[in-house]
């Protein structure tokens, strides 16, 4: 089972590190990452494998959202099936 994580917010040191560390701590494997800086805004999309996640999917979503709030970032986690359904023509 895979999921898409999006992170948007004011650029600062360590955003990628903090999100990927949270993934690693919960046995979530980062498959692919795309990030860019738009002026002073950080934008990142991660494709992750959550099949070996130590937490339930809902708990993982909540933990990343909480971490995002603490860093003043918008962090969203979406199951890949929902993501694909939303973007299907």
PDB file of N, CA and C in Angstrom:
ATOM      1  N   UNK A   1       0.851  -1.173   0.000  1.00  0.00           N
ATOM      2  CA  UNK A   1       0.000   0.000   0.000  1.00  0.00           C
ATOM      3  C   UNK A   1       0.896   1.235   0.000  1.00  0.00           C
ATOM      4  N   UNK A   2       0.587   2.158  -0.885  1.00  0.00           N
ATOM      5  CA  UNK A   2       1.376   3.380  -0.983  1.00  0.00           C
ATOM      6  C   UNK A   2       0.516   4.600  -0.662  1.00  0.00           C
ATOM      7  N   UNK A   3       1.202   5.687  -0.341  1.00  0.00           N
ATOM      8  CA  UNK A   3       0.523   6.939  -0.029  1.00  0.00           C
ATOM      9  C   UNK A   3       1.327   8.097  -0.608  1.00  0.00           C
ATOM     10  N   UNK A   4       0.655   9.220  -0.760  1.00  0.00           N
ATOM     11  CA  UNK A   4       1.276  10.449  -1.240  1.00  0.00           C
ATOM     12  C   UNK A   4       1.272  11.450  -0.093  1.00  0.00           C
ATOM     13  N   UNK A   5       2.449  11.990   0.209  1.00  0.00           N
ATOM     14  CA  UNK A   5       2.583  13.015   1.250  1.00  0.00           C
ATOM     15  C   UNK A   5       2.940  14.317   0.555  1.00  0.00           C
ATOM     16  N   UNK A   6       2.198  15.374   0.856  1.00  0.00           N
ATOM     17  CA  UNK A   6       2.536  16.699   0.320  1.00  0.00           C
ATOM     18  C   UNK A   6       2.873  17.625   1.491  1.00  0.00           C
ATOM     19  N   UNK A   7       3.876  18.458   1.279  1.00  0.00           N
ATOM     20  CA  UNK A   7       4.325  19.405   2.301  1.00  0.00           C
ATOM     21  C   UNK A   7       4.504  20.757   1.625  1.00  0.00           C
ATOM     22  N   UNK A   8       3.878  21.784   2.188  1.00  0.00           N
ATOM     23  CA  UNK A   8       3.994  23.149   1.656  1.00  0.00           C
ATOM     24  C   UNK A   8       4.151  24.101   2.831  1.00  0.00           C
ATOM     25  N   UNK A   9       5.073  25.043   2.698  1.00  0.00           N
ATOM     26  CA  UNK A   9       5.242  26.048   3.738  1.00  0.00           C
ATOM     27  C   UNK A   9       6.465  26.890   3.489  1.00  0.00           C
ATOM     28  N   UNK A  10       6.704  27.818   4.396  1.00  0.00           N
ATOM     29  CA  UNK A  10       7.865  28.700   4.286  1.00  0.00           C
ATOM     30  C   UNK A  10       9.124  27.851   4.398  1.00  0.00           C
ATOM     31  N   UNK A  11      10.058  28.070   3.497  1.00  0.00           N
ATOM     32  CA  UNK A  11      11.290  27.294   3.466  1.00  0.00           C
ATOM     33  C   UNK A  11      12.106  27.514   4.737  1.00  0.00           C
ATOM     34  N   UNK A  12      12.657  26.414   5.253  1.00  0.00           N
ATOM     35  CA  UNK A  12      13.562  26.457   6.406  1.00  0.00           C
ATOM     36  C   UNK A  12      14.438  25.210   6.365  1.00  0.00           C
ATOM     37  N   UNK A  13      15.481  25.214   7.082  1.00  0.00           N
ATOM     38  CA  UNK A  13      16.402  24.080   7.133  1.00  0.00           C
ATOM     39  C   UNK A  13      15.721  22.886   7.805  1.00  0.00           C
ATOM     40  N   UNK A  14      15.852  21.705   7.203  1.00  0.00           N
ATOM     41  CA  UNK A  14      15.451  20.471   7.864  1.00  0.00           C
ATOM     42  C   UNK A  14      14.071  19.931   7.589  1.00  0.00           C
ATOM     43  N   UNK A  15      13.305  20.531   6.686  1.00  0.00           N
ATOM     44  CA  UNK A  15      11.943  20.041   6.443  1.00  0.00           C
ATOM     45  C   UNK A  15      11.980  18.610   5.913  1.00  0.00           C
ATOM     46  N   UNK A  16      12.731  18.367   4.871  1.00  0.00           N
ATOM     47  CA  UNK A  16      12.825  17.025   4.296  1.00  0.00           C
ATOM     48  C   UNK A  16      13.313  16.031   5.344  1.00  0.00           C
ATOM     49  N   UNK A  17      14.299  16.427   6.117  1.00  0.00           N
ATOM     50  CA  UNK A  17      14.856  15.566   7.155  1.00  0.00           C
ATOM     51  C   UNK A  17      13.808  15.193   8.205  1.00  0.00           C
ATOM     52  N   UNK A  18      13.040  16.162   8.650  1.00  0.00           N
ATOM     53  CA  UNK A  18      12.049  15.904   9.700  1.00  0.00           C
ATOM     54  C   UNK A  18      10.941  14.988   9.206  1.00  0.00           C
ATOM     55  N   UNK A  19      10.465  15.203   7.991  1.00  0.00           N
ATOM     56  CA  UNK A  19       9.388  14.363   7.459  1.00  0.00           C
ATOM     57  C   UNK A  19       9.903  12.955   7.181  1.00  0.00           C
ATOM     58  N   UNK A  20      11.085  12.845   6.589  1.00  0.00           N
ATOM     59  CA  UNK A  20      11.618  11.517   6.288  1.00  0.00           C
ATOM     60  C   UNK A  20      11.997  10.764   7.569  1.00  0.00           C
ATOM     61  N   UNK A  21      12.443  11.474   8.604  1.00  0.00           N
ATOM     62  CA  UNK A  21      12.729  10.827   9.887  1.00  0.00           C
ATOM     63  C   UNK A  21      11.458  10.260  10.494  1.00  0.00           C
ATOM     64  N   UNK A  22      10.368  10.992  10.426  1.00  0.00           N
ATOM     65  CA  UNK A  22       9.081  10.505  10.936  1.00  0.00           C
ATOM     66  C   UNK A  22       8.674   9.243  10.179  1.00  0.00           C
ATOM     67  N   UNK A  23       8.892   9.242   8.873  1.00  0.00           N
ATOM     68  CA  UNK A  23       8.598   8.049   8.073  1.00  0.00           C
ATOM     69  C   UNK A  23       9.456   6.877   8.540  1.00  0.00           C
ATOM     70  N   UNK A  24      10.752   7.091   8.672  1.00  0.00           N
ATOM     71  CA  UNK A  24      11.681   6.022   9.060  1.00  0.00           C
ATOM     72  C   UNK A  24      11.345   5.462  10.439  1.00  0.00           C
ATOM     73  N   UNK A  25      10.985   6.327  11.365  1.00  0.00           N
ATOM     74  CA  UNK A  25      10.644   5.879  12.715  1.00  0.00           C
ATOM     75  C   UNK A  25       9.426   4.961  12.727  1.00  0.00           C
ATOM     76  N   UNK A  26       8.586   5.087  11.721  1.00  0.00           N
ATOM     77  CA  UNK A  26       7.362   4.275  11.650  1.00  0.00           C
ATOM     78  C   UNK A  26       7.444   3.197  10.580  1.00  0.00           C
ATOM     79  N   UNK A  27       8.655   2.941  10.083  1.00  0.00           N
ATOM     80  CA  UNK A  27       8.895   1.901   9.086  1.00  0.00           C
ATOM     81  C   UNK A  27       8.151   2.167   7.775  1.00  0.00           C
ATOM     82  N   UNK A  28       8.028   3.433   7.429  1.00  0.00           N
ATOM     83  CA  UNK A  28       7.422   3.857   6.164  1.00  0.00           C
ATOM     84  C   UNK A  28       8.569   4.159   5.205  1.00  0.00           C
ATOM     85  N   UNK A  29       8.601   3.456   4.086  1.00  0.00           N
ATOM     86  CA  UNK A  29       9.699   3.596   3.129  1.00  0.00           C
ATOM     87  C   UNK A  29       9.401   4.704   2.121  1.00  0.00           C
ATOM     88  N   UNK A  30      10.335   5.637   1.980  1.00  0.00           N
ATOM     89  CA  UNK A  30      10.208   6.702   0.984  1.00  0.00           C
ATOM     90  C   UNK A  30      10.659   6.134  -0.358  1.00  0.00           C
ATOM     91  N   UNK A  31       9.748   6.118  -1.327  1.00  0.00           N
ATOM     92  CA  UNK A  31      10.020   5.565  -2.651  1.00  0.00           C
ATOM     93  C   UNK A  31      10.545   6.636  -3.593  1.00  0.00           C
ATOM     94  N   UNK A  32       9.899   7.791  -3.566  1.00  0.00           N
ATOM     95  CA  UNK A  32      10.255   8.866  -4.496  1.00  0.00           C
ATOM     96  C   UNK A  32       9.957  10.207  -3.850  1.00  0.00           C
ATOM     97  N   UNK A  33      10.803  11.201  -4.151  1.00  0.00           N
ATOM     98  CA  UNK A  33      10.627  12.548  -3.602  1.00  0.00           C
ATOM     99  C   UNK A  33      10.834  13.567  -4.711  1.00  0.00           C
ATOM    100  N   UNK A  34       9.965  14.564  -4.745  1.00  0.00           N
ATOM    101  CA  UNK A  34      10.148  15.712  -5.617  1.00  0.00           C
ATOM    102  C   UNK A  34       9.950  16.948  -4.756  1.00  0.00           C
ATOM    103  N   UNK A  35      10.904  17.863  -4.812  1.00  0.00           N
ATOM    104  CA  UNK A  35      10.760  19.083  -4.030  1.00  0.00           C
ATOM    105  C   UNK A  35      11.277  20.263  -4.825  1.00  0.00           C
ATOM    106  N   UNK A  36      10.750  21.419  -4.509  1.00  0.00           N
ATOM    107  CA  UNK A  36      11.257  22.636  -5.123  1.00  0.00           C
ATOM    108  C   UNK A  36      11.024  23.796  -4.169  1.00  0.00           C
ATOM    109  N   UNK A  37      11.775  24.837  -4.390  1.00  0.00           N
ATOM    110  CA  UNK A  37      11.633  26.067  -3.633  1.00  0.00           C
ATOM    111  C   UNK A  37      11.116  27.123  -4.601  1.00  0.00           C
ATOM    112  N   UNK A  38       9.981  27.695  -4.287  1.00  0.00           N
ATOM    113  CA  UNK A  38       9.381  28.748  -5.109  1.00  0.00           C
ATOM    114  C   UNK A  38       9.487  30.044  -4.316  1.00  0.00           C
ATOM    115  N   UNK A  39      10.469  30.862  -4.669  1.00  0.00           N
ATOM    116  CA  UNK A  39      10.857  32.042  -3.902  1.00  0.00           C
ATOM    117  C   UNK A  39      11.179  31.583  -2.486  1.00  0.00           C
ATOM    118  N   UNK A  40      10.341  31.844  -1.492  1.00  0.00           N
ATOM    119  CA  UNK A  40      10.646  31.382  -0.135  1.00  0.00           C
ATOM    120  C   UNK A  40       9.685  30.280   0.328  1.00  0.00           C
ATOM    121  N   UNK A  41       8.975  29.672  -0.629  1.00  0.00           N
ATOM    122  CA  UNK A  41       8.026  28.602  -0.290  1.00  0.00           C
ATOM    123  C   UNK A  41       8.616  27.238  -0.639  1.00  0.00           C
ATOM    124  N   UNK A  42       8.544  26.315   0.316  1.00  0.00           N
ATOM    125  CA  UNK A  42       9.007  24.941   0.139  1.00  0.00           C
ATOM    126  C   UNK A  42       7.822  24.099  -0.302  1.00  0.00           C
ATOM    127  N   UNK A  43       7.993  23.301  -1.353  1.00  0.00           N
ATOM    128  CA  UNK A  43       6.935  22.424  -1.859  1.00  0.00           C
ATOM    129  C   UNK A  43       7.537  21.041  -2.091  1.00  0.00           C
ATOM    130  N   UNK A  44       6.901  20.008  -1.523  1.00  0.00           N
ATOM    131  CA  UNK A  44       7.438  18.656  -1.665  1.00  0.00           C
ATOM    132  C   UNK A  44       6.292  17.653  -1.825  1.00  0.00           C
ATOM    133  N   UNK A  45       6.543  16.664  -2.670  1.00  0.00           N
ATOM    134  CA  UNK A  45       5.637  15.530  -2.833  1.00  0.00           C
ATOM    135  C   UNK A  45       6.469  14.274  -2.626  1.00  0.00           C
ATOM    136  N   UNK A  46       5.985  13.395  -1.762  1.00  0.00           N
ATOM    137  CA  UNK A  46       6.672  12.128  -1.505  1.00  0.00           C
ATOM    138  C   UNK A  46       5.720  10.983  -1.814  1.00  0.00           C
ATOM    139  N   UNK A  47       6.223   9.942  -2.451  1.00  0.00           N
ATOM    140  CA  UNK A  47       5.497   8.695  -2.620  1.00  0.00           C
ATOM    141  C   UNK A  47       6.124   7.723  -1.634  1.00  0.00           C
ATOM    142  N   UNK A  48       5.314   7.152  -0.745  1.00  0.00           N
ATOM    143  CA  UNK A  48       5.834   6.288   0.312  1.00  0.00           C
ATOM    144  C   UNK A  48       5.091   4.959   0.332  1.00  0.00           C
ATOM    145  N   UNK A  49       5.772   3.936   0.822  1.00  0.00           N
ATOM    146  CA  UNK A  49       5.184   2.615   1.017  1.00  0.00           C
ATOM    147  C   UNK A  49       4.820   2.497   2.492  1.00  0.00           C
ATOM    148  N   UNK A  50       3.526   2.389   2.776  1.00  0.00           N
ATOM    149  CA  UNK A  50       3.053   2.321   4.161  1.00  0.00           C
ATOM    150  C   UNK A  50       2.632   0.913   4.560  1.00  0.00           C
ATOM    151  N   UNK A  51       2.979  -0.093   3.748  1.00  0.00           N
ATOM    152  CA  UNK A  51       2.530  -1.454   4.028  1.00  0.00           C
ATOM    153  C   UNK A  51       3.150  -2.032   5.300  1.00  0.00           C
ATOM    154  N   UNK A  52       4.318  -1.528   5.725  1.00  0.00           N
ATOM    155  CA  UNK A  52       4.974  -2.018   6.946  1.00  0.00           C
ATOM    156  C   UNK A  52       4.898  -1.000   8.088  1.00  0.00           C
ATOM    157  N   UNK A  53       3.998  -0.022   7.950  1.00  0.00           N
ATOM    158  CA  UNK A  53       3.847   1.056   8.925  1.00  0.00           C
ATOM    159  C   UNK A  53       3.576   0.490  10.318  1.00  0.00           C
ATOM    160  N   UNK A  54       4.275   1.012  11.324  1.00  0.00           N
ATOM    161  CA  UNK A  54       4.059   0.589  12.705  1.00  0.00           C
ATOM    162  C   UNK A  54       2.739   1.119  13.265  1.00  0.00           C
ATOM    163  N   UNK A  55       2.252   2.211  12.707  1.00  0.00           N
ATOM    164  CA  UNK A  55       0.995   2.822  13.149  1.00  0.00           C
ATOM    165  C   UNK A  55      -0.118   2.460  12.183  1.00  0.00           C
ATOM    166  N   UNK A  56      -1.355   2.654  12.615  1.00  0.00           N
ATOM    167  CA  UNK A  56      -2.444   2.548  11.646  1.00  0.00           C
ATOM    168  C   UNK A  56      -2.301   3.720  10.680  1.00  0.00           C
ATOM    169  N   UNK A  57      -2.935   3.602   9.514  1.00  0.00           N
ATOM    170  CA  UNK A  57      -2.824   4.681   8.533  1.00  0.00           C
ATOM    171  C   UNK A  57      -3.326   5.998   9.118  1.00  0.00           C
ATOM    172  N   UNK A  58      -4.439   5.960   9.827  1.00  0.00           N
ATOM    173  CA  UNK A  58      -5.007   7.167  10.441  1.00  0.00           C
ATOM    174  C   UNK A  58      -4.080   7.790  11.463  1.00  0.00           C
ATOM    175  N   UNK A  59      -3.426   6.962  12.275  1.00  0.00           N
ATOM    176  CA  UNK A  59      -2.481   7.477  13.273  1.00  0.00           C
ATOM    177  C   UNK A  59      -1.273   8.114  12.599  1.00  0.00           C
ATOM    178  N   UNK A  60      -0.821   7.511  11.505  1.00  0.00           N
ATOM    179  CA  UNK A  60       0.312   8.066  10.760  1.00  0.00           C
ATOM    180  C   UNK A  60      -0.057   9.428  10.168  1.00  0.00           C
ATOM    181  N   UNK A  61      -1.239   9.505   9.578  1.00  0.00           N
ATOM    182  CA  UNK A  61      -1.725  10.772   9.018  1.00  0.00           C
ATOM    183  C   UNK A  61      -1.766  11.840  10.107  1.00  0.00           C
ATOM    184  N   UNK A  62      -2.342  11.493  11.248  1.00  0.00           N
ATOM    185  CA  UNK A  62      -2.458  12.450  12.353  1.00  0.00           C
ATOM    186  C   UNK A  62      -1.092  12.890  12.872  1.00  0.00           C
ATOM    187  N   UNK A  63      -0.139  11.959  12.971  1.00  0.00           N
ATOM    188  CA  UNK A  63       1.183  12.311  13.495  1.00  0.00           C
ATOM    189  C   UNK A  63       1.921  13.256  12.548  1.00  0.00           C
ATOM    190  N   UNK A  64       1.807  13.029  11.234  1.00  0.00           N
ATOM    191  CA  UNK A  64       2.452  13.941  10.284  1.00  0.00           C
ATOM    192  C   UNK A  64       1.764  15.305  10.254  1.00  0.00           C
ATOM    193  N   UNK A  65       0.444  15.307  10.363  1.00  0.00           N
ATOM    194  CA  UNK A  65      -0.288  16.582  10.396  1.00  0.00           C
ATOM    195  C   UNK A  65       0.111  17.392  11.621  1.00  0.00           C
ATOM    196  N   UNK A  66       0.230  16.711  12.765  1.00  0.00           N
ATOM    197  CA  UNK A  66       0.624  17.397  14.000  1.00  0.00           C
ATOM    198  C   UNK A  66       2.042  17.960  13.868  1.00  0.00           C
ATOM    199  N   UNK A  67       2.953  17.167  13.311  1.00  0.00           N
ATOM    200  CA  UNK A  67       4.315  17.649  13.106  1.00  0.00           C
ATOM    201  C   UNK A  67       4.309  18.871  12.184  1.00  0.00           C
ATOM    202  N   UNK A  68       3.480  18.828  11.142  1.00  0.00           N
ATOM    203  CA  UNK A  68       3.371  19.965  10.231  1.00  0.00           C
ATOM    204  C   UNK A  68       2.897  21.222  10.936  1.00  0.00           C
ATOM    205  N   UNK A  69       1.898  21.075  11.796  1.00  0.00           N
ATOM    206  CA  UNK A  69       1.389  22.230  12.547  1.00  0.00           C
ATOM    207  C   UNK A  69       2.478  22.827  13.427  1.00  0.00           C
ATOM    208  N   UNK A  70       3.267  21.959  14.066  1.00  0.00           N
ATOM    209  CA  UNK A  70       4.343  22.439  14.934  1.00  0.00           C
ATOM    210  C   UNK A  70       5.396  23.214  14.147  1.00  0.00           C
ATOM    211  N   UNK A  71       5.570  22.886  12.874  1.00  0.00           N
ATOM    212  CA  UNK A  71       6.564  23.548  12.025  1.00  0.00           C
ATOM    213  C   UNK A  71       5.948  24.634  11.139  1.00  0.00           C
ATOM    214  N   UNK A  72       4.653  24.914  11.324  1.00  0.00           N
ATOM    215  CA  UNK A  72       3.930  25.874  10.495  1.00  0.00           C
ATOM    216  C   UNK A  72       3.944  25.476   9.025  1.00  0.00           C
ATOM    217  N   UNK A  73       3.752  24.172   8.771  1.00  0.00           N
ATOM    218  CA  UNK A  73       3.703  23.639   7.416  1.00  0.00           C
ATOM    219  C   UNK A  73       2.355  22.974   7.183  1.00  0.00           C
ATOM    220  N   UNK A  74       1.934  22.954   5.940  1.00  0.00           N
ATOM    221  CA  UNK A  74       0.749  22.195   5.556  1.00  0.00           C
ATOM    222  C   UNK A  74       1.223  20.819   5.099  1.00  0.00           C
ATOM    223  N   UNK A  75       0.874  19.774   5.864  1.00  0.00           N
ATOM    224  CA  UNK A  75       1.280  18.407   5.543  1.00  0.00           C
ATOM    225  C   UNK A  75       0.018  17.570   5.367  1.00  0.00           C
ATOM    226  N   UNK A  76      -0.111  16.940   4.199  1.00  0.00           N
ATOM    227  CA  UNK A  76      -1.265  16.091   3.916  1.00  0.00           C
ATOM    228  C   UNK A  76      -0.776  14.721   3.472  1.00  0.00           C
ATOM    229  N   UNK A  77      -1.467  13.696   3.942  1.00  0.00           N
ATOM    230  CA  UNK A  77      -1.162  12.322   3.549  1.00  0.00           C
ATOM    231  C   UNK A  77      -2.422  11.736   2.942  1.00  0.00           C
ATOM    232  N   UNK A  78      -2.278  11.140   1.767  1.00  0.00           N
ATOM    233  CA  UNK A  78      -3.437  10.580   1.064  1.00  0.00           C
ATOM    234  C   UNK A  78      -3.082   9.201   0.523  1.00  0.00           C
ATOM    235  N   UNK A  79      -3.948   8.246   0.753  1.00  0.00           N
ATOM    236  CA  UNK A  79      -3.747   6.900   0.207  1.00  0.00           C
ATOM    237  C   UNK A  79      -3.661   7.007  -1.311  1.00  0.00           C
ATOM    238  N   UNK A  80      -2.782   6.239  -1.921  1.00  0.00           N
ATOM    239  CA  UNK A  80      -2.550   6.321  -3.365  1.00  0.00           C
ATOM    240  C   UNK A  80      -3.828   6.074  -4.173  1.00  0.00           C
ATOM    241  N   UNK A  81      -4.677   5.158  -3.737  1.00  0.00           N
ATOM    242  CA  UNK A  81      -5.908   4.870  -4.471  1.00  0.00           C
ATOM    243  C   UNK A  81      -6.820   6.095  -4.540  1.00  0.00           C
ATOM    244  N   UNK A  82      -6.928   6.820  -3.449  1.00  0.00           N
ATOM    245  CA  UNK A  82      -7.748   8.035  -3.437  1.00  0.00           C
ATOM    246  C   UNK A  82      -7.115   9.092  -4.316  1.00  0.00           C
ATOM    247  N   UNK A  83      -5.796   9.237  -4.220  1.00  0.00           N
ATOM    248  CA  UNK A  83      -5.070  10.200  -5.046  1.00  0.00           C
ATOM    249  C   UNK A  83      -5.311   9.903  -6.526  1.00  0.00           C
ATOM    250  N   UNK A  84      -5.175   8.634  -6.930  1.00  0.00           N
ATOM    251  CA  UNK A  84      -5.373   8.254  -8.329  1.00  0.00           C
ATOM    252  C   UNK A  84      -6.808   8.484  -8.774  1.00  0.00           C
ATOM    253  N   UNK A  85      -7.776   8.187  -7.913  1.00  0.00           N
ATOM    254  CA  UNK A  85      -9.185   8.389  -8.271  1.00  0.00           C
ATOM    255  C   UNK A  85      -9.504   9.870  -8.486  1.00  0.00           C
ATOM    256  N   UNK A  86      -8.892  10.724  -7.679  1.00  0.00           N
ATOM    257  CA  UNK A  86      -9.133  12.149  -7.817  1.00  0.00           C
ATOM    258  C   UNK A  86      -8.571  12.717  -9.116  1.00  0.00           C
ATOM    259  N   UNK A  87      -7.542  12.064  -9.662  1.00  0.00           N
ATOM    260  CA  UNK A  87      -6.859  12.599 -10.839  1.00  0.00           C
ATOM    261  C   UNK A  87      -7.105  11.774 -12.099  1.00  0.00           C
ATOM    262  N   UNK A  88      -8.139  10.960 -12.062  1.00  0.00           N
ATOM    263  CA  UNK A  88      -8.489  10.155 -13.216  1.00  0.00           C
ATOM    264  C   UNK A  88      -9.529  10.892 -14.039  1.00  0.00           C
ATOM    265  N   UNK A  89      -9.376  10.857 -15.337  1.00  0.00           N
ATOM    266  CA  UNK A  89     -10.346  11.531 -16.225  1.00  0.00           C
ATOM    267  C   UNK A  89     -11.445  10.583 -16.586  1.00  0.00           C
TER     268      UNK A  89
END
